[in-house]
């Protein structure tokens, strides 16, 4: 799909876009690229409070092309201090960023707070290089995947990179007791044209089996809350994020209906300890 063209039916391209399904009817009504005003109307339909950790209501504003010098007008500080999210028009990347704010508002708010606090610390210490915490926050914001599971044995297979055993031999168990929710808006942009090699960075959360009896919208609300709690408690780094070959998840690729698909070691890479 041409990434410059608007396509109101993008949610049907792949199950990867599943977290946005509650907004599908509203999105399908946009015959052209939604404006920032449209995004704010869409935000109201999400029916969830979308606020920063500084208690500012999030709104989407047009991004200016001029150079920004003031600290308060830089991207993350501006969101934290005013709630304004600079958004480019005719841009899938920024459009998906807005949708993730509507879908995982608590997690997005925490990541914004991490960036703001770290930027303040770097400024105070006259630190020129960004720290590992900001690197991890950026990586998850762009390429993050939330892995939800009630089965510890499946989680261990994932952590050991036993991809074929997990996604093929335990296929039915994965579909019934494991959910992969894409969080990173950069991954959503890539999913417009899925390709072998698409890999996310996962945070794994364990739940009780009853979790999977809830409607999708409720599962996402719970996942958002759990992610928020995790990020507030953990000082994580990029190495703590688990590689996730996205097209391996059952139904996320028409090619993974055959066991041979999982023999590709360039994509389904073994654990570093086994290389």
C-alpha atoms as a PDB file:
ATOM      1  CA  UNK A   1       0.000   0.000   0.000  1.00  0.00           C
ATOM      2  CA  UNK A   2       1.238   3.500  -0.832  1.00  0.00           C
ATOM      3  CA  UNK A   3       2.012   5.113   2.509  1.00  0.00           C
ATOM      4  CA  UNK A   4       1.234   8.579   1.166  1.00  0.00           C
ATOM      5  CA  UNK A   5      -2.397   7.694   0.412  1.00  0.00           C
ATOM      6  CA  UNK A   6      -5.204   7.629   2.929  1.00  0.00           C
ATOM      7  CA  UNK A   7      -6.990   4.297   3.266  1.00  0.00           C
ATOM      8  CA  UNK A   8      -9.952   4.222   5.701  1.00  0.00           C
ATOM      9  CA  UNK A   9     -10.016   0.425   5.430  1.00  0.00           C
ATOM     10  CA  UNK A  10      -6.477  -0.116   6.711  1.00  0.00           C
ATOM     11  CA  UNK A  11      -7.737  -2.099   9.713  1.00  0.00           C
ATOM     12  CA  UNK A  12      -8.669  -4.967   7.416  1.00  0.00           C
ATOM     13  CA  UNK A  13      -5.098  -5.334   6.101  1.00  0.00           C
ATOM     14  CA  UNK A  14      -3.949  -7.380   9.074  1.00  0.00           C
ATOM     15  CA  UNK A  15      -5.108  -8.626  12.523  1.00  0.00           C
ATOM     16  CA  UNK A  16      -2.129  -6.655  13.852  1.00  0.00           C
ATOM     17  CA  UNK A  17      -4.424  -3.604  13.848  1.00  0.00           C
ATOM     18  CA  UNK A  18      -6.811  -5.360  16.250  1.00  0.00           C
ATOM     19  CA  UNK A  19      -6.393  -2.903  19.174  1.00  0.00           C
ATOM     20  CA  UNK A  20      -7.901  -0.145  16.998  1.00  0.00           C
ATOM     21  CA  UNK A  21     -11.052  -2.144  16.169  1.00  0.00           C
ATOM     22  CA  UNK A  22     -13.237  -0.246  18.698  1.00  0.00           C
ATOM     23  CA  UNK A  23     -12.583   2.899  16.615  1.00  0.00           C
ATOM     24  CA  UNK A  24     -13.112   1.251  13.214  1.00  0.00           C
ATOM     25  CA  UNK A  25     -16.587   2.639  12.474  1.00  0.00           C
ATOM     26  CA  UNK A  26     -15.495   6.194  13.166  1.00  0.00           C
ATOM     27  CA  UNK A  27     -12.248   5.841  11.179  1.00  0.00           C
ATOM     28  CA  UNK A  28     -14.091   4.417   8.157  1.00  0.00           C
ATOM     29  CA  UNK A  29     -16.109   7.649   7.924  1.00  0.00           C
ATOM     30  CA  UNK A  30     -13.011   9.684   7.049  1.00  0.00           C
ATOM     31  CA  UNK A  31     -12.901   9.901   3.261  1.00  0.00           C
ATOM     32  CA  UNK A  32      -9.559  11.737   3.417  1.00  0.00           C
ATOM     33  CA  UNK A  33      -6.740  12.196   5.884  1.00  0.00           C
ATOM     34  CA  UNK A  34      -8.211  13.161   9.272  1.00  0.00           C
ATOM     35  CA  UNK A  35      -7.255  16.629  10.485  1.00  0.00           C
ATOM     36  CA  UNK A  36      -6.077  17.320  14.038  1.00  0.00           C
ATOM     37  CA  UNK A  37      -9.641  18.461  14.757  1.00  0.00           C
ATOM     38  CA  UNK A  38     -10.902  15.089  13.493  1.00  0.00           C
ATOM     39  CA  UNK A  39      -8.431  13.330  15.758  1.00  0.00           C
ATOM     40  CA  UNK A  40      -9.721  15.230  18.770  1.00  0.00           C
ATOM     41  CA  UNK A  41     -13.272  14.173  17.881  1.00  0.00           C
ATOM     42  CA  UNK A  42     -12.059  10.597  17.495  1.00  0.00           C
ATOM     43  CA  UNK A  43     -10.412  10.886  20.905  1.00  0.00           C
ATOM     44  CA  UNK A  44     -13.801  11.639  22.467  1.00  0.00           C
ATOM     45  CA  UNK A  45     -15.227   8.466  20.912  1.00  0.00           C
ATOM     46  CA  UNK A  46     -12.529   6.439  22.632  1.00  0.00           C
ATOM     47  CA  UNK A  47     -14.508   7.106  25.815  1.00  0.00           C
ATOM     48  CA  UNK A  48     -11.444   7.005  28.055  1.00  0.00           C
ATOM     49  CA  UNK A  49      -9.693   9.849  29.887  1.00  0.00           C
ATOM     50  CA  UNK A  50      -6.570  10.728  27.929  1.00  0.00           C
ATOM     51  CA  UNK A  51      -4.383  12.873  30.158  1.00  0.00           C
ATOM     52  CA  UNK A  52      -0.685  13.308  30.822  1.00  0.00           C
ATOM     53  CA  UNK A  53       0.971  12.478  34.142  1.00  0.00           C
ATOM     54  CA  UNK A  54       0.973  16.252  34.752  1.00  0.00           C
ATOM     55  CA  UNK A  55      -2.843  16.128  34.565  1.00  0.00           C
ATOM     56  CA  UNK A  56      -3.116  17.902  31.209  1.00  0.00           C
ATOM     57  CA  UNK A  57      -5.794  16.833  28.756  1.00  0.00           C
ATOM     58  CA  UNK A  58      -4.150  15.501  25.596  1.00  0.00           C
ATOM     59  CA  UNK A  59      -5.017  17.229  22.328  1.00  0.00           C
ATOM     60  CA  UNK A  60      -3.527  16.964  18.853  1.00  0.00           C
ATOM     61  CA  UNK A  61      -2.098  20.079  17.201  1.00  0.00           C
ATOM     62  CA  UNK A  62      -0.458  20.716  13.838  1.00  0.00           C
ATOM     63  CA  UNK A  63       3.314  20.382  13.944  1.00  0.00           C
ATOM     64  CA  UNK A  64       5.199  23.500  12.950  1.00  0.00           C
ATOM     65  CA  UNK A  65       8.120  23.128  10.544  1.00  0.00           C
ATOM     66  CA  UNK A  66      10.184  25.855  12.242  1.00  0.00           C
ATOM     67  CA  UNK A  67      13.155  24.959  14.446  1.00  0.00           C
ATOM     68  CA  UNK A  68      12.296  24.660  18.137  1.00  0.00           C
ATOM     69  CA  UNK A  69      14.814  26.166  20.582  1.00  0.00           C
ATOM     70  CA  UNK A  70      12.931  26.478  23.855  1.00  0.00           C
ATOM     71  CA  UNK A  71      12.951  23.442  26.123  1.00  0.00           C
ATOM     72  CA  UNK A  72       9.236  23.842  26.813  1.00  0.00           C
ATOM     73  CA  UNK A  73       8.453  23.616  23.086  1.00  0.00           C
ATOM     74  CA  UNK A  74      10.410  20.425  22.460  1.00  0.00           C
ATOM     75  CA  UNK A  75       8.245  17.419  21.626  1.00  0.00           C
ATOM     76  CA  UNK A  76       8.082  15.522  24.934  1.00  0.00           C
ATOM     77  CA  UNK A  77       8.204  18.570  27.265  1.00  0.00           C
ATOM     78  CA  UNK A  78       5.430  20.229  25.270  1.00  0.00           C
ATOM     79  CA  UNK A  79       3.194  17.185  25.706  1.00  0.00           C
ATOM     80  CA  UNK A  80       3.978  16.941  29.410  1.00  0.00           C
ATOM     81  CA  UNK A  81       3.539  20.644  30.170  1.00  0.00           C
ATOM     82  CA  UNK A  82       0.559  21.462  27.926  1.00  0.00           C
ATOM     83  CA  UNK A  83      -0.937  18.191  26.708  1.00  0.00           C
ATOM     84  CA  UNK A  84      -0.360  19.263  23.097  1.00  0.00           C
ATOM     85  CA  UNK A  85       0.848  16.449  20.816  1.00  0.00           C
ATOM     86  CA  UNK A  86       2.440  17.900  17.640  1.00  0.00           C
ATOM     87  CA  UNK A  87       1.040  15.908  14.718  1.00  0.00           C
ATOM     88  CA  UNK A  88       1.941  15.972  11.036  1.00  0.00           C
ATOM     89  CA  UNK A  89      -0.889  15.913   8.505  1.00  0.00           C
ATOM     90  CA  UNK A  90      -0.956  13.218   5.777  1.00  0.00           C
ATOM     91  CA  UNK A  91       1.378  11.107   7.907  1.00  0.00           C
ATOM     92  CA  UNK A  92       0.677   7.494   8.933  1.00  0.00           C
ATOM     93  CA  UNK A  93       3.361   7.520  11.621  1.00  0.00           C
ATOM     94  CA  UNK A  94       1.797  10.413  13.505  1.00  0.00           C
ATOM     95  CA  UNK A  95      -1.735   9.166  12.837  1.00  0.00           C
ATOM     96  CA  UNK A  96      -0.895   5.838  14.491  1.00  0.00           C
ATOM     97  CA  UNK A  97       0.768   7.683  17.359  1.00  0.00           C
ATOM     98  CA  UNK A  98      -2.553   9.458  17.959  1.00  0.00           C
ATOM     99  CA  UNK A  99      -4.465   6.158  17.851  1.00  0.00           C
ATOM    100  CA  UNK A 100      -2.083   4.618  20.393  1.00  0.00           C
ATOM    101  CA  UNK A 101      -2.724   7.583  22.710  1.00  0.00           C
ATOM    102  CA  UNK A 102      -6.432   6.753  22.444  1.00  0.00           C
ATOM    103  CA  UNK A 103      -5.907   3.027  22.951  1.00  0.00           C
ATOM    104  CA  UNK A 104      -3.151   2.903  25.594  1.00  0.00           C
ATOM    105  CA  UNK A 105      -3.410   6.364  27.219  1.00  0.00           C
ATOM    106  CA  UNK A 106      -1.923   5.424  30.600  1.00  0.00           C
ATOM    107  CA  UNK A 107       1.149   3.806  29.090  1.00  0.00           C
ATOM    108  CA  UNK A 108       1.721   6.683  26.669  1.00  0.00           C
ATOM    109  CA  UNK A 109       1.474   9.129  29.575  1.00  0.00           C
ATOM    110  CA  UNK A 110       4.091   7.238  31.599  1.00  0.00           C
ATOM    111  CA  UNK A 111       6.499   7.061  28.653  1.00  0.00           C
ATOM    112  CA  UNK A 112       6.074  10.810  28.160  1.00  0.00           C
ATOM    113  CA  UNK A 113       6.826  11.363  31.853  1.00  0.00           C
ATOM    114  CA  UNK A 114       9.961   9.215  31.599  1.00  0.00           C
ATOM    115  CA  UNK A 115      11.202  11.343  28.702  1.00  0.00           C
ATOM    116  CA  UNK A 116      10.381  14.604  30.467  1.00  0.00           C
ATOM    117  CA  UNK A 117      12.065  13.632  33.746  1.00  0.00           C
ATOM    118  CA  UNK A 118      15.150  12.305  31.965  1.00  0.00           C
ATOM    119  CA  UNK A 119      15.401  15.429  29.785  1.00  0.00           C
ATOM    120  CA  UNK A 120      15.210  17.609  32.899  1.00  0.00           C
ATOM    121  CA  UNK A 121      17.939  15.522  34.560  1.00  0.00           C
ATOM    122  CA  UNK A 122      20.163  15.700  31.463  1.00  0.00           C
ATOM    123  CA  UNK A 123      19.652  19.462  31.270  1.00  0.00           C
ATOM    124  CA  UNK A 124      20.433  19.921  34.949  1.00  0.00           C
ATOM    125  CA  UNK A 125      23.611  17.830  34.669  1.00  0.00           C
ATOM    126  CA  UNK A 126      24.604  19.396  31.347  1.00  0.00           C
ATOM    127  CA  UNK A 127      24.547  15.890  29.862  1.00  0.00           C
ATOM    128  CA  UNK A 128      24.903  15.845  26.081  1.00  0.00           C
ATOM    129  CA  UNK A 129      24.067  12.199  25.410  1.00  0.00           C
ATOM    130  CA  UNK A 130      20.678  10.685  26.106  1.00  0.00           C
ATOM    131  CA  UNK A 131      20.575   7.971  28.742  1.00  0.00           C
ATOM    132  CA  UNK A 132      19.673   4.297  28.438  1.00  0.00           C
ATOM    133  CA  UNK A 133      16.246   4.826  30.011  1.00  0.00           C
ATOM    134  CA  UNK A 134      15.204   7.241  27.268  1.00  0.00           C
ATOM    135  CA  UNK A 135      16.583   4.869  24.646  1.00  0.00           C
ATOM    136  CA  UNK A 136      14.430   2.050  26.050  1.00  0.00           C
ATOM    137  CA  UNK A 137      11.361   4.283  26.276  1.00  0.00           C
ATOM    138  CA  UNK A 138      11.801   5.365  22.649  1.00  0.00           C
ATOM    139  CA  UNK A 139      12.333   1.793  21.457  1.00  0.00           C
ATOM    140  CA  UNK A 140       9.162   0.582  23.147  1.00  0.00           C
ATOM    141  CA  UNK A 141       7.185   3.620  21.987  1.00  0.00           C
ATOM    142  CA  UNK A 142       8.169   2.918  18.376  1.00  0.00           C
ATOM    143  CA  UNK A 143       8.392  -0.889  18.298  1.00  0.00           C
ATOM    144  CA  UNK A 144       6.764  -2.143  21.482  1.00  0.00           C
ATOM    145  CA  UNK A 145       4.593  -5.250  21.762  1.00  0.00           C
ATOM    146  CA  UNK A 146       2.604  -6.235  24.846  1.00  0.00           C
ATOM    147  CA  UNK A 147       2.628  -9.999  25.399  1.00  0.00           C
ATOM    148  CA  UNK A 148      -0.159 -11.190  27.701  1.00  0.00           C
ATOM    149  CA  UNK A 149      -0.229 -14.815  28.841  1.00  0.00           C
ATOM    150  CA  UNK A 150      -1.744 -17.048  31.503  1.00  0.00           C
ATOM    151  CA  UNK A 151       0.654 -19.902  30.714  1.00  0.00           C
ATOM    152  CA  UNK A 152       4.117 -19.753  32.245  1.00  0.00           C
ATOM    153  CA  UNK A 153       5.339 -22.588  30.011  1.00  0.00           C
ATOM    154  CA  UNK A 154       4.473 -20.590  26.871  1.00  0.00           C
ATOM    155  CA  UNK A 155       6.238 -17.535  28.244  1.00  0.00           C
ATOM    156  CA  UNK A 156       9.359 -19.623  28.809  1.00  0.00           C
ATOM    157  CA  UNK A 157       9.256 -20.866  25.217  1.00  0.00           C
ATOM    158  CA  UNK A 158       9.087 -17.251  24.040  1.00  0.00           C
ATOM    159  CA  UNK A 159      11.940 -16.169  26.283  1.00  0.00           C
ATOM    160  CA  UNK A 160      14.068 -19.078  25.018  1.00  0.00           C
ATOM    161  CA  UNK A 161      13.231 -18.183  21.393  1.00  0.00           C
ATOM    162  CA  UNK A 162      11.680 -21.603  20.792  1.00  0.00           C
ATOM    163  CA  UNK A 163       9.583 -20.058  18.062  1.00  0.00           C
ATOM    164  CA  UNK A 164       8.476 -23.163  16.166  1.00  0.00           C
ATOM    165  CA  UNK A 165       7.518 -24.990  19.338  1.00  0.00           C
ATOM    166  CA  UNK A 166       5.612 -21.939  20.550  1.00  0.00           C
ATOM    167  CA  UNK A 167       3.839 -20.714  17.415  1.00  0.00           C
ATOM    168  CA  UNK A 168       3.350 -24.059  15.642  1.00  0.00           C
ATOM    169  CA  UNK A 169       3.360 -26.946  18.084  1.00  0.00           C
ATOM    170  CA  UNK A 170       1.502 -24.917  20.734  1.00  0.00           C
ATOM    171  CA  UNK A 171      -0.570 -22.977  18.193  1.00  0.00           C
ATOM    172  CA  UNK A 172      -3.993 -23.579  19.752  1.00  0.00           C
ATOM    173  CA  UNK A 173      -2.709 -22.812  23.236  1.00  0.00           C
ATOM    174  CA  UNK A 174      -1.169 -19.558  22.004  1.00  0.00           C
ATOM    175  CA  UNK A 175      -4.459 -18.473  20.422  1.00  0.00           C
ATOM    176  CA  UNK A 176      -6.462 -19.236  23.568  1.00  0.00           C
ATOM    177  CA  UNK A 177      -4.081 -18.187  26.359  1.00  0.00           C
ATOM    178  CA  UNK A 178      -1.744 -15.609  24.805  1.00  0.00           C
ATOM    179  CA  UNK A 179      -2.376 -12.177  23.304  1.00  0.00           C
ATOM    180  CA  UNK A 180       0.077 -10.019  21.409  1.00  0.00           C
ATOM    181  CA  UNK A 181      -0.971  -6.357  21.284  1.00  0.00           C
ATOM    182  CA  UNK A 182       1.200  -4.087  19.156  1.00  0.00           C
ATOM    183  CA  UNK A 183       1.931  -0.840  21.003  1.00  0.00           C
ATOM    184  CA  UNK A 184       4.617   0.844  18.904  1.00  0.00           C
ATOM    185  CA  UNK A 185       3.232   3.251  16.330  1.00  0.00           C
ATOM    186  CA  UNK A 186       6.296   2.634  14.148  1.00  0.00           C
ATOM    187  CA  UNK A 187       5.303  -1.041  13.921  1.00  0.00           C
ATOM    188  CA  UNK A 188       1.763  -0.103  12.938  1.00  0.00           C
ATOM    189  CA  UNK A 189       3.155   1.932  10.057  1.00  0.00           C
ATOM    190  CA  UNK A 190       5.200  -1.082   8.921  1.00  0.00           C
ATOM    191  CA  UNK A 191       2.097  -3.289   9.166  1.00  0.00           C
ATOM    192  CA  UNK A 192       0.543  -1.345   6.283  1.00  0.00           C
ATOM    193  CA  UNK A 193       2.947  -3.382   4.129  1.00  0.00           C
ATOM    194  CA  UNK A 194       3.894  -6.407   6.254  1.00  0.00           C
ATOM    195  CA  UNK A 195       7.230  -8.004   5.429  1.00  0.00           C
ATOM    196  CA  UNK A 196       9.317 -10.926   6.621  1.00  0.00           C
ATOM    197  CA  UNK A 197      11.647  -9.386   9.154  1.00  0.00           C
ATOM    198  CA  UNK A 198       9.099  -7.307  11.100  1.00  0.00           C
ATOM    199  CA  UNK A 199      10.226  -7.597  14.699  1.00  0.00           C
ATOM    200  CA  UNK A 200       8.865  -5.938  17.819  1.00  0.00           C
ATOM    201  CA  UNK A 201      10.277  -5.434  21.292  1.00  0.00           C
ATOM    202  CA  UNK A 202       8.124  -7.123  23.900  1.00  0.00           C
ATOM    203  CA  UNK A 203       7.173  -6.607  27.509  1.00  0.00           C
ATOM    204  CA  UNK A 204       5.649  -9.781  28.954  1.00  0.00           C
ATOM    205  CA  UNK A 205       2.753  -9.609  31.430  1.00  0.00           C
ATOM    206  CA  UNK A 206       1.183 -12.629  33.099  1.00  0.00           C
ATOM    207  CA  UNK A 207      -2.549 -12.825  33.871  1.00  0.00           C
ATOM    208  CA  UNK A 208      -5.160 -15.298  35.131  1.00  0.00           C
ATOM    209  CA  UNK A 209      -7.134 -17.321  32.590  1.00  0.00           C
ATOM    210  CA  UNK A 210     -10.277 -15.260  33.269  1.00  0.00           C
ATOM    211  CA  UNK A 211      -8.582 -12.350  31.485  1.00  0.00           C
ATOM    212  CA  UNK A 212      -9.284 -13.962  28.099  1.00  0.00           C
ATOM    213  CA  UNK A 213     -13.027 -14.189  28.804  1.00  0.00           C
ATOM    214  CA  UNK A 214     -13.320 -10.393  28.632  1.00  0.00           C
ATOM    215  CA  UNK A 215     -14.211  -8.422  25.483  1.00  0.00           C
ATOM    216  CA  UNK A 216     -11.257  -7.117  23.475  1.00  0.00           C
ATOM    217  CA  UNK A 217     -11.814  -3.534  24.651  1.00  0.00           C
ATOM    218  CA  UNK A 218     -11.627  -4.622  28.304  1.00  0.00           C
ATOM    219  CA  UNK A 219      -8.527  -6.734  27.672  1.00  0.00           C
ATOM    220  CA  UNK A 220      -6.797  -3.654  26.275  1.00  0.00           C
ATOM    221  CA  UNK A 221      -7.825  -1.471  29.228  1.00  0.00           C
ATOM    222  CA  UNK A 222      -6.375  -4.042  31.633  1.00  0.00           C
ATOM    223  CA  UNK A 223      -3.196  -4.376  29.545  1.00  0.00           C
ATOM    224  CA  UNK A 224      -2.789  -0.588  29.560  1.00  0.00           C
ATOM    225  CA  UNK A 225      -3.095  -0.455  33.343  1.00  0.00           C
ATOM    226  CA  UNK A 226      -0.641  -3.332  33.820  1.00  0.00           C
ATOM    227  CA  UNK A 227       1.868  -1.719  31.465  1.00  0.00           C
ATOM    228  CA  UNK A 228       1.562   1.568  33.340  1.00  0.00           C
ATOM    229  CA  UNK A 229       2.277  -0.206  36.631  1.00  0.00           C
ATOM    230  CA  UNK A 230       5.233  -2.090  35.131  1.00  0.00           C
ATOM    231  CA  UNK A 231       6.829   1.040  33.680  1.00  0.00           C
ATOM    232  CA  UNK A 232       6.359   3.012  36.905  1.00  0.00           C
ATOM    233  CA  UNK A 233       8.027   0.316  38.980  1.00  0.00           C
ATOM    234  CA  UNK A 234      10.774  -0.884  36.667  1.00  0.00           C
ATOM    235  CA  UNK A 235      13.983   0.835  35.620  1.00  0.00           C
ATOM    236  CA  UNK A 236      14.155  -0.968  32.326  1.00  0.00           C
ATOM    237  CA  UNK A 237      16.670  -0.818  29.496  1.00  0.00           C
ATOM    238  CA  UNK A 238      16.649  -1.894  25.866  1.00  0.00           C
ATOM    239  CA  UNK A 239      18.146  -5.285  26.729  1.00  0.00           C
ATOM    240  CA  UNK A 240      15.089  -6.060  28.888  1.00  0.00           C
ATOM    241  CA  UNK A 241      12.816  -5.959  25.828  1.00  0.00           C
ATOM    242  CA  UNK A 242      12.175  -9.376  24.286  1.00  0.00           C
ATOM    243  CA  UNK A 243      12.476  -9.718  20.468  1.00  0.00           C
ATOM    244  CA  UNK A 244       9.119 -10.658  18.903  1.00  0.00           C
ATOM    245  CA  UNK A 245       8.995 -11.899  15.263  1.00  0.00           C
ATOM    246  CA  UNK A 246       5.492 -10.557  14.649  1.00  0.00           C
ATOM    247  CA  UNK A 247       4.551 -12.592  11.600  1.00  0.00           C
ATOM    248  CA  UNK A 248       5.019 -15.766  13.623  1.00  0.00           C
ATOM    249  CA  UNK A 249       1.924 -15.188  15.720  1.00  0.00           C
ATOM    250  CA  UNK A 250      -0.901 -17.438  14.417  1.00  0.00           C
ATOM    251  CA  UNK A 251      -3.205 -15.636  11.906  1.00  0.00           C
ATOM    252  CA  UNK A 252      -0.849 -12.653  11.575  1.00  0.00           C
ATOM    253  CA  UNK A 253       0.521 -13.947   8.274  1.00  0.00           C
ATOM    254  CA  UNK A 254      -0.993 -16.106   5.557  1.00  0.00           C
ATOM    255  CA  UNK A 255       2.393 -17.845   5.284  1.00  0.00           C
ATOM    256  CA  UNK A 256       2.503 -19.155   8.852  1.00  0.00           C
ATOM    257  CA  UNK A 257      -0.161 -21.802   8.201  1.00  0.00           C
ATOM    258  CA  UNK A 258       2.687 -24.145   7.275  1.00  0.00           C
ATOM    259  CA  UNK A 259       5.278 -25.459   9.731  1.00  0.00           C
ATOM    260  CA  UNK A 260       8.072 -24.881   7.188  1.00  0.00           C
ATOM    261  CA  UNK A 261       7.578 -21.134   7.640  1.00  0.00           C
ATOM    262  CA  UNK A 262       9.142 -21.390  11.097  1.00  0.00           C
ATOM    263  CA  UNK A 263      12.348 -22.985   9.784  1.00  0.00           C
ATOM    264  CA  UNK A 264      13.644 -19.596   8.637  1.00  0.00           C
ATOM    265  CA  UNK A 265      16.442 -18.966  11.159  1.00  0.00           C
ATOM    266  CA  UNK A 266      17.140 -15.528   9.711  1.00  0.00           C
ATOM    267  CA  UNK A 267      13.738 -14.409  10.967  1.00  0.00           C
ATOM    268  CA  UNK A 268      13.058 -16.828  13.808  1.00  0.00           C
ATOM    269  CA  UNK A 269      16.451 -16.354  15.313  1.00  0.00           C
ATOM    270  CA  UNK A 270      17.682 -18.736  18.041  1.00  0.00           C
ATOM    271  CA  UNK A 271      18.430 -17.411  21.502  1.00  0.00           C
ATOM    272  CA  UNK A 272      21.921 -15.822  21.673  1.00  0.00           C
ATOM    273  CA  UNK A 273      23.030 -18.635  23.969  1.00  0.00           C
ATOM    274  CA  UNK A 274      22.337 -21.137  21.159  1.00  0.00           C
ATOM    275  CA  UNK A 275      24.000 -19.297  18.288  1.00  0.00           C
END
